[in-house]
N, C-alpha and C. Protein backbone atom coordinates (compact mmCIF):
# COMPACT_ATOMS: atom_id res chain seq x y z
N MET A 1 -82.03 -197.58 -164.28
CA MET A 1 -82.50 -196.73 -165.36
C MET A 1 -83.88 -197.21 -165.82
N THR A 2 -84.82 -196.29 -165.86
CA THR A 2 -86.17 -196.65 -166.25
C THR A 2 -86.28 -196.80 -167.76
N HIS A 3 -87.38 -197.43 -168.20
CA HIS A 3 -87.63 -197.59 -169.64
C HIS A 3 -87.73 -196.22 -170.31
N PHE A 4 -88.38 -195.27 -169.63
CA PHE A 4 -88.51 -193.92 -170.17
C PHE A 4 -87.14 -193.27 -170.35
N GLN A 5 -86.25 -193.45 -169.37
CA GLN A 5 -84.91 -192.86 -169.47
C GLN A 5 -84.11 -193.47 -170.61
N VAL A 6 -84.29 -194.77 -170.86
CA VAL A 6 -83.63 -195.41 -172.00
C VAL A 6 -84.09 -194.74 -173.30
N LEU A 7 -85.39 -194.52 -173.44
CA LEU A 7 -85.92 -193.86 -174.64
C LEU A 7 -85.37 -192.44 -174.75
N LEU A 8 -85.25 -191.77 -173.62
CA LEU A 8 -84.75 -190.40 -173.60
C LEU A 8 -83.29 -190.37 -174.06
N PHE A 9 -82.47 -191.28 -173.54
CA PHE A 9 -81.06 -191.32 -173.94
C PHE A 9 -80.92 -191.66 -175.43
N LYS A 10 -81.81 -192.49 -175.93
CA LYS A 10 -81.76 -192.83 -177.36
C LYS A 10 -82.07 -191.61 -178.23
N LEU A 11 -82.91 -190.70 -177.71
CA LEU A 11 -83.21 -189.48 -178.44
C LEU A 11 -81.95 -188.65 -178.70
N ILE A 12 -80.99 -188.75 -177.80
CA ILE A 12 -79.75 -187.99 -177.95
C ILE A 12 -79.01 -188.39 -179.22
N GLN A 13 -79.20 -189.63 -179.66
CA GLN A 13 -78.55 -190.09 -180.89
C GLN A 13 -79.04 -189.31 -182.11
N GLU A 14 -80.25 -188.74 -182.03
CA GLU A 14 -80.78 -187.93 -183.12
C GLU A 14 -80.17 -186.53 -183.13
N ASN A 15 -79.58 -186.13 -182.01
CA ASN A 15 -78.84 -184.87 -181.88
C ASN A 15 -79.70 -183.64 -182.22
N LYS A 16 -80.93 -183.63 -181.69
CA LYS A 16 -81.82 -182.49 -181.85
C LYS A 16 -82.26 -182.01 -180.47
N PRO A 17 -82.48 -180.68 -180.31
CA PRO A 17 -82.90 -180.17 -179.00
C PRO A 17 -84.23 -180.79 -178.55
N PHE A 18 -84.32 -181.09 -177.25
CA PHE A 18 -85.59 -181.57 -176.68
C PHE A 18 -85.61 -181.27 -175.20
N PHE A 19 -86.80 -181.36 -174.60
CA PHE A 19 -86.92 -181.27 -173.15
C PHE A 19 -88.02 -182.22 -172.70
N PHE A 20 -87.90 -182.69 -171.47
CA PHE A 20 -88.92 -183.55 -170.86
C PHE A 20 -89.13 -183.14 -169.41
N LYS A 21 -90.35 -183.32 -168.95
CA LYS A 21 -90.70 -183.00 -167.57
C LYS A 21 -90.62 -184.26 -166.71
N ASN A 22 -90.22 -184.09 -165.47
CA ASN A 22 -90.24 -185.16 -164.45
C ASN A 22 -89.51 -186.42 -164.93
N ALA A 23 -88.32 -186.26 -165.46
CA ALA A 23 -87.58 -187.39 -166.01
C ALA A 23 -86.62 -188.03 -165.00
N PHE A 24 -86.15 -187.26 -164.02
CA PHE A 24 -85.16 -187.77 -163.06
C PHE A 24 -85.51 -187.34 -161.65
N LYS A 25 -85.22 -188.21 -160.69
CA LYS A 25 -85.47 -187.91 -159.29
C LYS A 25 -84.22 -188.22 -158.46
N ASP A 26 -84.01 -187.41 -157.44
CA ASP A 26 -82.97 -187.68 -156.42
C ASP A 26 -81.59 -187.92 -157.04
N VAL A 27 -81.22 -187.08 -157.98
CA VAL A 27 -79.90 -187.22 -158.62
C VAL A 27 -78.81 -186.61 -157.74
N PHE A 28 -79.13 -185.49 -157.12
CA PHE A 28 -78.17 -184.75 -156.31
C PHE A 28 -78.98 -183.93 -155.32
N SER A 29 -78.33 -183.29 -154.35
CA SER A 29 -79.08 -182.53 -153.35
C SER A 29 -78.25 -181.35 -152.84
N TRP A 30 -78.94 -180.42 -152.20
CA TRP A 30 -78.23 -179.30 -151.59
C TRP A 30 -77.24 -179.78 -150.53
N SER A 31 -77.62 -180.80 -149.76
CA SER A 31 -76.71 -181.28 -148.71
C SER A 31 -75.44 -181.89 -149.31
N GLU A 32 -75.58 -182.56 -150.46
CA GLU A 32 -74.40 -183.10 -151.12
C GLU A 32 -73.51 -181.98 -151.66
N LEU A 33 -74.14 -180.91 -152.18
CA LEU A 33 -73.35 -179.76 -152.63
C LEU A 33 -72.63 -179.13 -151.45
N ASN A 34 -73.31 -179.02 -150.32
CA ASN A 34 -72.70 -178.47 -149.13
C ASN A 34 -71.45 -179.26 -148.73
N GLN A 35 -71.55 -180.58 -148.76
CA GLN A 35 -70.39 -181.41 -148.43
C GLN A 35 -69.28 -181.24 -149.44
N LEU A 36 -69.66 -181.13 -150.72
CA LEU A 36 -68.67 -180.97 -151.79
C LEU A 36 -67.89 -179.66 -151.61
N LEU A 37 -68.62 -178.57 -151.33
CA LEU A 37 -67.97 -177.27 -151.18
C LEU A 37 -67.04 -177.22 -149.96
N ASN A 38 -67.34 -178.04 -148.96
CA ASN A 38 -66.51 -178.07 -147.76
C ASN A 38 -65.36 -179.07 -147.85
N ASN A 39 -65.29 -179.82 -148.95
CA ASN A 39 -64.17 -180.74 -149.16
C ASN A 39 -63.08 -179.97 -149.90
N THR A 40 -62.27 -179.25 -149.15
CA THR A 40 -61.32 -178.29 -149.70
C THR A 40 -60.44 -178.84 -150.82
N PRO A 41 -59.90 -180.06 -150.72
CA PRO A 41 -59.05 -180.54 -151.82
C PRO A 41 -59.75 -180.63 -153.18
N LEU A 42 -61.07 -180.73 -153.17
CA LEU A 42 -61.80 -180.83 -154.44
C LEU A 42 -62.10 -179.48 -155.06
N ILE A 43 -62.03 -178.41 -154.25
CA ILE A 43 -62.39 -177.08 -154.73
C ILE A 43 -61.11 -176.31 -155.04
N ASN A 44 -60.61 -176.51 -156.25
CA ASN A 44 -59.39 -175.82 -156.64
C ASN A 44 -59.65 -174.82 -157.77
N TYR A 45 -58.63 -174.11 -158.16
CA TYR A 45 -58.75 -173.01 -159.10
C TYR A 45 -59.26 -173.47 -160.47
N ASP A 46 -58.92 -174.69 -160.88
CA ASP A 46 -59.35 -175.18 -162.18
C ASP A 46 -60.78 -175.71 -162.15
N ARG A 47 -61.19 -176.29 -161.04
CA ARG A 47 -62.49 -176.97 -160.97
C ARG A 47 -63.63 -176.02 -160.61
N PHE A 48 -63.37 -175.05 -159.76
CA PHE A 48 -64.41 -174.14 -159.27
C PHE A 48 -64.47 -172.90 -160.16
N ASN A 49 -65.68 -172.55 -160.64
CA ASN A 49 -65.83 -171.44 -161.58
C ASN A 49 -66.91 -170.48 -161.12
N ILE A 50 -66.69 -169.20 -161.40
CA ILE A 50 -67.63 -168.15 -161.05
C ILE A 50 -68.05 -167.46 -162.34
N ILE A 51 -69.34 -167.25 -162.52
CA ILE A 51 -69.83 -166.55 -163.71
C ILE A 51 -70.02 -165.08 -163.37
N GLY A 52 -69.34 -164.23 -164.11
CA GLY A 52 -69.51 -162.79 -163.92
C GLY A 52 -68.54 -162.15 -162.96
N GLU A 53 -67.57 -162.88 -162.46
CA GLU A 53 -66.57 -162.30 -161.55
C GLU A 53 -65.25 -163.04 -161.74
N GLU A 54 -64.17 -162.30 -161.71
CA GLU A 54 -62.85 -162.90 -161.82
C GLU A 54 -62.43 -163.53 -160.50
N LYS A 55 -61.88 -164.72 -160.58
CA LYS A 55 -61.34 -165.34 -159.37
C LYS A 55 -60.03 -164.66 -159.01
N LYS A 56 -59.83 -164.44 -157.73
CA LYS A 56 -58.59 -163.82 -157.28
C LYS A 56 -57.50 -164.88 -157.18
N SER A 57 -56.26 -164.43 -157.15
CA SER A 57 -55.14 -165.36 -157.04
C SER A 57 -55.30 -166.19 -155.77
N VAL A 58 -54.86 -167.43 -155.85
CA VAL A 58 -55.06 -168.38 -154.76
C VAL A 58 -54.00 -168.20 -153.69
N ALA A 59 -54.43 -168.11 -152.46
CA ALA A 59 -53.50 -168.06 -151.33
C ALA A 59 -53.46 -169.43 -150.67
N ASN A 60 -52.26 -169.95 -150.45
CA ASN A 60 -52.12 -171.25 -149.79
C ASN A 60 -52.66 -171.13 -148.36
N THR A 61 -53.56 -172.03 -148.02
CA THR A 61 -54.23 -171.91 -146.72
C THR A 61 -53.52 -172.66 -145.60
N SER A 62 -52.66 -173.60 -145.94
CA SER A 62 -52.01 -174.39 -144.89
C SER A 62 -50.80 -175.11 -145.48
N GLU A 63 -49.80 -175.30 -144.65
CA GLU A 63 -48.64 -176.09 -145.09
C GLU A 63 -49.02 -177.54 -145.37
N TRP A 64 -50.13 -178.00 -144.79
CA TRP A 64 -50.58 -179.38 -145.02
C TRP A 64 -51.21 -179.55 -146.39
N GLN A 65 -51.56 -178.46 -147.04
CA GLN A 65 -52.27 -178.53 -148.32
C GLN A 65 -51.31 -178.95 -149.43
N SER A 66 -51.51 -180.16 -149.97
CA SER A 66 -50.62 -180.64 -151.02
C SER A 66 -50.94 -180.01 -152.38
N ASP A 67 -52.21 -179.64 -152.60
CA ASP A 67 -52.60 -178.96 -153.84
C ASP A 67 -52.57 -177.46 -153.58
N ARG A 68 -51.62 -176.77 -154.18
CA ARG A 68 -51.44 -175.34 -153.92
C ARG A 68 -52.42 -174.47 -154.71
N THR A 69 -53.35 -175.10 -155.45
CA THR A 69 -54.33 -174.32 -156.22
C THR A 69 -55.71 -174.32 -155.57
N VAL A 70 -55.83 -174.86 -154.38
CA VAL A 70 -57.15 -174.89 -153.73
C VAL A 70 -57.59 -173.48 -153.37
N ILE A 71 -58.91 -173.29 -153.35
CA ILE A 71 -59.50 -172.03 -152.91
C ILE A 71 -60.06 -172.26 -151.52
N GLY A 72 -59.64 -171.47 -150.57
CA GLY A 72 -60.05 -171.66 -149.18
C GLY A 72 -61.55 -171.51 -148.99
N PRO A 73 -62.12 -172.20 -148.01
CA PRO A 73 -63.57 -172.18 -147.79
C PRO A 73 -64.13 -170.78 -147.51
N THR A 74 -63.38 -169.92 -146.84
CA THR A 74 -63.87 -168.56 -146.59
C THR A 74 -64.07 -167.81 -147.89
N GLN A 75 -63.11 -167.95 -148.81
CA GLN A 75 -63.22 -167.29 -150.11
C GLN A 75 -64.36 -167.89 -150.94
N VAL A 76 -64.49 -169.23 -150.91
CA VAL A 76 -65.59 -169.89 -151.62
C VAL A 76 -66.93 -169.37 -151.10
N GLY A 77 -67.03 -169.22 -149.78
CA GLY A 77 -68.27 -168.71 -149.18
C GLY A 77 -68.62 -167.33 -149.69
N ARG A 78 -67.61 -166.49 -149.92
CA ARG A 78 -67.86 -165.15 -150.47
C ARG A 78 -68.33 -165.24 -151.92
N TYR A 79 -67.70 -166.11 -152.69
CA TYR A 79 -68.05 -166.23 -154.11
C TYR A 79 -69.49 -166.70 -154.31
N ILE A 80 -69.90 -167.70 -153.53
CA ILE A 80 -71.22 -168.31 -153.79
C ILE A 80 -72.37 -167.45 -153.29
N LYS A 81 -72.07 -166.44 -152.48
CA LYS A 81 -73.12 -165.62 -151.90
C LYS A 81 -73.85 -164.80 -152.94
N ASN A 82 -73.12 -164.28 -153.94
CA ASN A 82 -73.72 -163.34 -154.90
C ASN A 82 -73.49 -163.71 -156.35
N ASN A 83 -73.02 -164.92 -156.62
CA ASN A 83 -72.71 -165.29 -158.00
C ASN A 83 -73.31 -166.64 -158.37
N VAL A 84 -73.56 -166.80 -159.66
CA VAL A 84 -73.83 -168.14 -160.19
C VAL A 84 -72.47 -168.82 -160.33
N CYS A 85 -72.36 -170.01 -159.80
CA CYS A 85 -71.08 -170.74 -159.82
C CYS A 85 -71.29 -172.12 -160.42
N PHE A 86 -70.21 -172.73 -160.87
CA PHE A 86 -70.29 -174.14 -161.25
C PHE A 86 -68.97 -174.83 -160.96
N ILE A 87 -69.10 -176.11 -160.68
CA ILE A 87 -67.94 -176.96 -160.38
C ILE A 87 -67.88 -178.01 -161.47
N GLN A 88 -66.75 -178.09 -162.17
CA GLN A 88 -66.61 -179.07 -163.23
C GLN A 88 -65.86 -180.30 -162.74
N ASP A 89 -65.75 -181.29 -163.60
CA ASP A 89 -65.09 -182.55 -163.24
C ASP A 89 -65.81 -183.21 -162.06
N CYS A 90 -67.16 -183.30 -162.18
CA CYS A 90 -67.98 -183.81 -161.07
C CYS A 90 -68.78 -185.05 -161.45
N SER A 91 -68.39 -185.76 -162.50
CA SER A 91 -69.21 -186.90 -162.92
C SER A 91 -69.11 -188.09 -161.98
N ARG A 92 -68.22 -188.00 -160.98
CA ARG A 92 -68.11 -189.09 -160.02
C ARG A 92 -68.39 -188.63 -158.58
N VAL A 93 -69.13 -187.55 -158.41
CA VAL A 93 -69.39 -187.08 -157.04
C VAL A 93 -70.38 -187.97 -156.30
N ASN A 94 -71.21 -188.71 -157.05
CA ASN A 94 -72.03 -189.74 -156.41
C ASN A 94 -72.35 -190.83 -157.45
N TYR A 95 -72.93 -191.91 -156.98
CA TYR A 95 -73.18 -193.06 -157.86
C TYR A 95 -74.17 -192.71 -158.97
N LYS A 96 -75.23 -191.98 -158.64
CA LYS A 96 -76.26 -191.70 -159.64
C LYS A 96 -75.74 -190.84 -160.78
N ILE A 97 -74.95 -189.82 -160.45
CA ILE A 97 -74.39 -188.96 -161.49
C ILE A 97 -73.42 -189.75 -162.36
N ASN A 98 -72.61 -190.59 -161.73
CA ASN A 98 -71.68 -191.44 -162.49
C ASN A 98 -72.44 -192.36 -163.45
N LYS A 99 -73.57 -192.90 -162.98
CA LYS A 99 -74.36 -193.81 -163.81
C LYS A 99 -75.00 -193.08 -164.98
N ILE A 100 -75.50 -191.87 -164.75
CA ILE A 100 -76.06 -191.09 -165.84
C ILE A 100 -74.98 -190.79 -166.88
N ALA A 101 -73.81 -190.39 -166.42
CA ALA A 101 -72.71 -190.11 -167.34
C ALA A 101 -72.33 -191.36 -168.13
N GLU A 102 -72.31 -192.51 -167.45
CA GLU A 102 -72.00 -193.78 -168.12
C GLU A 102 -73.02 -194.07 -169.22
N ASN A 103 -74.30 -193.88 -168.93
CA ASN A 103 -75.34 -194.13 -169.92
C ASN A 103 -75.26 -193.15 -171.08
N LEU A 104 -74.97 -191.89 -170.78
CA LEU A 104 -74.81 -190.90 -171.85
C LEU A 104 -73.64 -191.26 -172.76
N GLU A 105 -72.55 -191.72 -172.17
CA GLU A 105 -71.40 -192.13 -172.97
C GLU A 105 -71.75 -193.34 -173.85
N TYR A 106 -72.52 -194.25 -173.30
CA TYR A 106 -72.89 -195.45 -174.04
C TYR A 106 -73.75 -195.10 -175.25
N PHE A 107 -74.76 -194.24 -175.05
CA PHE A 107 -75.69 -193.93 -176.14
C PHE A 107 -75.13 -192.90 -177.12
N SER A 108 -74.33 -191.96 -176.63
CA SER A 108 -73.81 -190.91 -177.51
C SER A 108 -72.47 -191.29 -178.15
N LYS A 109 -71.76 -192.26 -177.53
CA LYS A 109 -70.41 -192.63 -177.97
C LYS A 109 -69.44 -191.46 -177.83
N GLN A 110 -69.70 -190.60 -176.84
CA GLN A 110 -68.86 -189.43 -176.60
C GLN A 110 -68.48 -189.36 -175.13
N SER A 111 -67.28 -188.85 -174.87
CA SER A 111 -66.81 -188.66 -173.50
C SER A 111 -67.67 -187.63 -172.79
N CYS A 112 -68.03 -187.93 -171.54
CA CYS A 112 -68.98 -187.10 -170.80
C CYS A 112 -68.40 -186.67 -169.45
N ASP A 113 -68.73 -185.46 -169.05
CA ASP A 113 -68.39 -184.98 -167.71
C ASP A 113 -69.68 -184.50 -167.05
N ALA A 114 -69.58 -183.95 -165.86
CA ALA A 114 -70.74 -183.34 -165.20
C ALA A 114 -70.28 -182.04 -164.56
N HIS A 115 -71.02 -180.96 -164.83
CA HIS A 115 -70.77 -179.66 -164.22
C HIS A 115 -71.96 -179.32 -163.33
N ILE A 116 -71.69 -179.02 -162.07
CA ILE A 116 -72.75 -178.69 -161.13
C ILE A 116 -72.90 -177.18 -161.07
N PHE A 117 -74.04 -176.68 -161.57
CA PHE A 117 -74.35 -175.25 -161.56
C PHE A 117 -75.27 -174.94 -160.37
N PHE A 118 -75.02 -173.80 -159.71
CA PHE A 118 -75.89 -173.44 -158.61
C PHE A 118 -75.86 -171.94 -158.36
N SER A 119 -76.96 -171.45 -157.83
CA SER A 119 -77.07 -170.07 -157.41
C SER A 119 -77.90 -170.03 -156.14
N LEU A 120 -77.45 -169.26 -155.18
CA LEU A 120 -78.16 -169.14 -153.91
C LEU A 120 -79.07 -167.91 -153.87
N LYS A 121 -79.10 -167.14 -154.95
CA LYS A 121 -79.88 -165.90 -154.99
C LYS A 121 -81.34 -166.20 -155.35
N ASP A 122 -82.25 -165.49 -154.71
CA ASP A 122 -83.67 -165.56 -155.06
C ASP A 122 -84.04 -164.43 -156.00
N ASN A 123 -85.09 -164.65 -156.78
CA ASN A 123 -85.66 -163.61 -157.64
C ASN A 123 -84.62 -162.96 -158.55
N GLN A 124 -83.89 -163.79 -159.28
CA GLN A 124 -82.92 -163.26 -160.22
C GLN A 124 -83.64 -162.71 -161.45
N GLU A 125 -83.17 -161.55 -161.91
CA GLU A 125 -83.82 -160.92 -163.04
C GLU A 125 -82.94 -160.89 -164.28
N ASP A 126 -81.66 -161.16 -164.12
CA ASP A 126 -80.78 -161.17 -165.28
C ASP A 126 -80.49 -162.61 -165.68
N THR A 127 -79.73 -162.79 -166.75
CA THR A 127 -79.37 -164.13 -167.17
C THR A 127 -78.31 -164.68 -166.23
N ASP A 128 -78.00 -165.94 -166.39
CA ASP A 128 -77.02 -166.58 -165.52
C ASP A 128 -75.59 -166.32 -165.98
N GLY A 129 -75.35 -165.17 -166.60
CA GLY A 129 -73.98 -164.77 -166.90
C GLY A 129 -73.54 -165.03 -168.32
N PHE A 130 -73.95 -166.14 -168.91
CA PHE A 130 -73.50 -166.47 -170.26
C PHE A 130 -74.34 -165.76 -171.32
N GLY A 131 -75.58 -165.37 -171.00
CA GLY A 131 -76.46 -164.81 -172.01
C GLY A 131 -76.77 -165.84 -173.08
N MET A 132 -77.24 -165.39 -174.24
CA MET A 132 -77.48 -166.31 -175.36
C MET A 132 -76.14 -166.72 -175.93
N HIS A 133 -75.88 -168.02 -175.96
CA HIS A 133 -74.57 -168.50 -176.39
C HIS A 133 -74.68 -169.92 -176.93
N SER A 134 -73.61 -170.40 -177.52
CA SER A 134 -73.52 -171.80 -177.95
C SER A 134 -72.28 -172.42 -177.33
N ASP A 135 -72.27 -173.74 -177.22
CA ASP A 135 -71.16 -174.46 -176.59
C ASP A 135 -70.42 -175.33 -177.59
N VAL A 136 -69.22 -175.77 -177.20
CA VAL A 136 -68.43 -176.65 -178.06
C VAL A 136 -68.70 -178.11 -177.75
N SER A 137 -69.62 -178.36 -176.81
CA SER A 137 -70.01 -179.73 -176.46
C SER A 137 -71.53 -179.85 -176.60
N ASN A 138 -72.00 -181.08 -176.80
CA ASN A 138 -73.42 -181.37 -176.65
C ASN A 138 -73.73 -181.38 -175.16
N ASN A 139 -74.87 -180.82 -174.75
CA ASN A 139 -75.17 -180.70 -173.33
C ASN A 139 -76.53 -181.30 -172.98
N PHE A 140 -76.51 -182.16 -171.97
CA PHE A 140 -77.73 -182.72 -171.39
C PHE A 140 -77.82 -182.16 -169.97
N ILE A 141 -78.91 -181.45 -169.66
CA ILE A 141 -79.01 -180.72 -168.41
C ILE A 141 -80.20 -181.22 -167.59
N ILE A 142 -79.95 -181.50 -166.32
CA ILE A 142 -81.00 -181.92 -165.40
C ILE A 142 -81.17 -180.83 -164.34
N GLN A 143 -82.40 -180.34 -164.19
CA GLN A 143 -82.71 -179.40 -163.13
C GLN A 143 -82.92 -180.20 -161.85
N VAL A 144 -82.18 -179.86 -160.80
CA VAL A 144 -82.28 -180.59 -159.53
C VAL A 144 -83.21 -179.88 -158.55
N GLU A 145 -83.01 -178.56 -158.39
CA GLU A 145 -83.85 -177.77 -157.49
C GLU A 145 -84.09 -176.40 -158.11
N GLY A 146 -85.18 -175.75 -157.71
CA GLY A 146 -85.47 -174.42 -158.19
C GLY A 146 -86.10 -174.42 -159.58
N THR A 147 -86.27 -173.23 -160.12
CA THR A 147 -86.89 -173.06 -161.44
C THR A 147 -85.98 -172.23 -162.33
N THR A 148 -85.75 -172.69 -163.54
CA THR A 148 -84.91 -171.99 -164.50
C THR A 148 -85.67 -171.85 -165.82
N CYS A 149 -85.72 -170.62 -166.33
CA CYS A 149 -86.25 -170.40 -167.68
C CYS A 149 -85.14 -170.76 -168.67
N PHE A 150 -85.45 -171.67 -169.58
CA PHE A 150 -84.43 -172.14 -170.52
C PHE A 150 -84.92 -171.90 -171.94
N THR A 151 -84.13 -171.17 -172.70
CA THR A 151 -84.47 -170.83 -174.08
C THR A 151 -83.50 -171.50 -175.03
N VAL A 152 -84.03 -172.22 -176.00
CA VAL A 152 -83.22 -172.75 -177.11
C VAL A 152 -83.69 -172.00 -178.35
N GLU A 153 -82.78 -171.24 -178.93
CA GLU A 153 -83.13 -170.32 -180.02
C GLU A 153 -83.86 -171.03 -181.16
N ASN A 154 -85.00 -170.44 -181.56
CA ASN A 154 -85.82 -170.93 -182.67
C ASN A 154 -86.43 -172.32 -182.41
N LYS A 155 -86.40 -172.78 -181.16
CA LYS A 155 -86.94 -174.11 -180.84
C LYS A 155 -88.01 -174.04 -179.75
N PHE A 156 -87.60 -173.63 -178.55
CA PHE A 156 -88.57 -173.59 -177.46
C PHE A 156 -88.08 -172.73 -176.30
N ASP A 157 -89.06 -172.27 -175.51
CA ASP A 157 -88.83 -171.65 -174.20
C ASP A 157 -89.56 -172.51 -173.19
N VAL A 158 -88.88 -172.90 -172.13
CA VAL A 158 -89.49 -173.79 -171.16
C VAL A 158 -89.03 -173.41 -169.76
N LYS A 159 -89.90 -173.63 -168.77
CA LYS A 159 -89.53 -173.48 -167.37
C LYS A 159 -89.17 -174.85 -166.84
N LEU A 160 -87.93 -175.00 -166.46
CA LEU A 160 -87.46 -176.27 -165.92
C LEU A 160 -87.63 -176.28 -164.40
N GLY A 161 -88.30 -177.31 -163.90
CA GLY A 161 -88.45 -177.51 -162.47
C GLY A 161 -87.69 -178.76 -162.06
N PRO A 162 -87.70 -179.11 -160.77
CA PRO A 162 -86.97 -180.28 -160.29
C PRO A 162 -87.34 -181.55 -161.06
N GLY A 163 -86.31 -182.24 -161.57
CA GLY A 163 -86.50 -183.49 -162.31
C GLY A 163 -86.61 -183.32 -163.80
N ASP A 164 -86.79 -182.07 -164.29
CA ASP A 164 -86.90 -181.83 -165.72
C ASP A 164 -85.52 -181.87 -166.37
N CYS A 165 -85.50 -182.11 -167.68
CA CYS A 165 -84.23 -182.17 -168.40
C CYS A 165 -84.36 -181.52 -169.77
N VAL A 166 -83.23 -181.11 -170.31
CA VAL A 166 -83.18 -180.50 -171.63
C VAL A 166 -81.89 -180.93 -172.32
N TYR A 167 -81.95 -181.09 -173.63
CA TYR A 167 -80.76 -181.45 -174.41
C TYR A 167 -80.50 -180.37 -175.45
N VAL A 168 -79.24 -179.90 -175.52
CA VAL A 168 -78.85 -178.86 -176.47
C VAL A 168 -77.60 -179.33 -177.23
N PRO A 169 -77.71 -179.57 -178.55
CA PRO A 169 -76.54 -179.97 -179.33
C PRO A 169 -75.51 -178.84 -179.39
N LEU A 170 -74.27 -179.19 -179.62
CA LEU A 170 -73.22 -178.18 -179.73
C LEU A 170 -73.54 -177.24 -180.89
N GLY A 171 -73.19 -175.98 -180.71
CA GLY A 171 -73.43 -174.98 -181.74
C GLY A 171 -74.81 -174.36 -181.72
N VAL A 172 -75.75 -174.93 -180.95
CA VAL A 172 -77.11 -174.40 -180.88
C VAL A 172 -77.17 -173.33 -179.79
N ARG A 173 -77.62 -172.14 -180.13
CA ARG A 173 -77.66 -171.04 -179.18
C ARG A 173 -78.77 -171.25 -178.15
N HIS A 174 -78.44 -170.94 -176.90
CA HIS A 174 -79.38 -171.13 -175.81
C HIS A 174 -79.05 -170.20 -174.65
N MET A 175 -79.96 -170.10 -173.70
CA MET A 175 -79.77 -169.21 -172.55
C MET A 175 -80.56 -169.75 -171.36
N ALA A 176 -79.97 -169.60 -170.17
CA ALA A 176 -80.64 -169.99 -168.93
C ALA A 176 -80.82 -168.76 -168.05
N ARG A 177 -81.97 -168.68 -167.38
CA ARG A 177 -82.22 -167.59 -166.43
C ARG A 177 -82.93 -168.16 -165.22
N SER A 178 -82.27 -168.11 -164.09
CA SER A 178 -82.84 -168.67 -162.86
C SER A 178 -83.88 -167.73 -162.28
N LEU A 179 -84.99 -168.27 -161.84
CA LEU A 179 -86.05 -167.49 -161.22
C LEU A 179 -85.95 -167.49 -159.70
N GLU A 180 -85.11 -168.37 -159.17
CA GLU A 180 -84.96 -168.50 -157.72
C GLU A 180 -83.70 -169.30 -157.45
N LYS A 181 -83.42 -169.50 -156.19
CA LYS A 181 -82.31 -170.35 -155.79
C LYS A 181 -82.41 -171.67 -156.56
N ARG A 182 -81.32 -172.07 -157.21
CA ARG A 182 -81.43 -173.25 -158.07
C ARG A 182 -80.15 -174.08 -158.08
N LEU A 183 -80.34 -175.34 -158.44
CA LEU A 183 -79.26 -176.31 -158.54
C LEU A 183 -79.53 -177.18 -159.76
N SER A 184 -78.55 -177.30 -160.64
CA SER A 184 -78.72 -178.12 -161.83
C SER A 184 -77.40 -178.78 -162.19
N ILE A 185 -77.48 -179.81 -163.02
CA ILE A 185 -76.28 -180.52 -163.46
C ILE A 185 -76.27 -180.57 -164.97
N SER A 186 -75.18 -180.09 -165.56
CA SER A 186 -74.99 -180.14 -167.00
C SER A 186 -74.01 -181.27 -167.31
N PHE A 187 -74.40 -182.13 -168.26
CA PHE A 187 -73.54 -183.23 -168.69
C PHE A 187 -73.03 -182.90 -170.10
N PRO A 188 -71.84 -182.28 -170.23
CA PRO A 188 -71.30 -182.00 -171.55
C PRO A 188 -70.71 -183.26 -172.17
N MET A 189 -70.97 -183.44 -173.45
CA MET A 189 -70.43 -184.58 -174.20
C MET A 189 -69.64 -184.02 -175.38
N ASN A 190 -68.37 -184.30 -175.44
CA ASN A 190 -67.51 -183.71 -176.46
C ASN A 190 -67.09 -184.76 -177.48
N PRO A 191 -67.52 -184.59 -178.74
CA PRO A 191 -67.17 -185.58 -179.77
C PRO A 191 -65.70 -185.56 -180.15
N GLU A 192 -64.96 -184.52 -179.74
CA GLU A 192 -63.54 -184.43 -180.06
C GLU A 192 -62.66 -185.19 -179.07
N HIS A 193 -63.21 -185.50 -177.90
CA HIS A 193 -62.40 -186.22 -176.91
C HIS A 193 -62.24 -187.68 -177.33
N LYS A 194 -61.07 -188.22 -177.11
CA LYS A 194 -60.77 -189.58 -177.57
C LYS A 194 -61.05 -190.65 -176.53
N TRP A 195 -61.05 -190.27 -175.25
CA TRP A 195 -61.11 -191.29 -174.20
C TRP A 195 -62.34 -191.11 -173.33
N MET A 196 -63.01 -192.21 -173.03
CA MET A 196 -64.10 -192.22 -172.05
C MET A 196 -63.50 -192.27 -170.65
N GLN A 197 -64.25 -191.78 -169.65
CA GLN A 197 -63.79 -191.87 -168.28
C GLN A 197 -63.98 -193.29 -167.74
N ASP A 198 -63.19 -193.63 -166.74
CA ASP A 198 -63.33 -194.92 -166.06
C ASP A 198 -64.55 -194.83 -165.16
N ARG A 199 -65.60 -195.58 -165.46
CA ARG A 199 -66.86 -195.51 -164.72
C ARG A 199 -66.99 -196.58 -163.65
N PHE A 200 -65.94 -197.36 -163.41
CA PHE A 200 -66.01 -198.39 -162.36
C PHE A 200 -66.29 -197.70 -161.01
N TRP A 201 -67.30 -198.23 -160.29
CA TRP A 201 -67.68 -197.67 -158.99
C TRP A 201 -67.17 -198.55 -157.87
N ILE A 202 -66.28 -198.02 -157.04
CA ILE A 202 -65.69 -198.78 -155.94
C ILE A 202 -66.73 -198.93 -154.83
N ASP A 203 -67.03 -200.16 -154.46
CA ASP A 203 -68.03 -200.42 -153.44
C ASP A 203 -67.60 -201.63 -152.62
N PHE A 204 -67.60 -201.47 -151.30
CA PHE A 204 -67.23 -202.60 -150.43
C PHE A 204 -67.92 -202.48 -149.09
């Protein structure tokens, strides 16, 4: 963690909206998302989300499948083609994301997760499905790839590019609109949750 990132995380303690340019590098990648989407046991009905379309009932893809709520890769491929999607419960998909979540928990004193948002569509003209809205968690968002117009009501409008970040406290209305194929990670922090996640990283 750089000195700048330490200062940035400390800003979260003030709980006011902010954004910074070029704050993070190499946090996640399209190739890692590709591997994640192809890891069928991780892509289940609760974890995988589609904005603007109802998920269909899950069909068991194999007798070997111990989790009967998984969504088969063919169906996932159809969903991601024309929709903004996100995968939750992803704060441990790689070491860097786990470390960011650990630091956010340390500075905010709140339980943190990571949601991976992505869209494969170019030249999007509508919002990313949620429109102007507020959340029940504080959100720290890192743009990984692509460009997203991000509006925080009565505060700022900014174009987020790769490495940029934005913080939105719970209850503050905001909206995202992707201008092209994009990948971002939202780190929600919920002050109502009682337990932090186990951040120990297994390495051998």
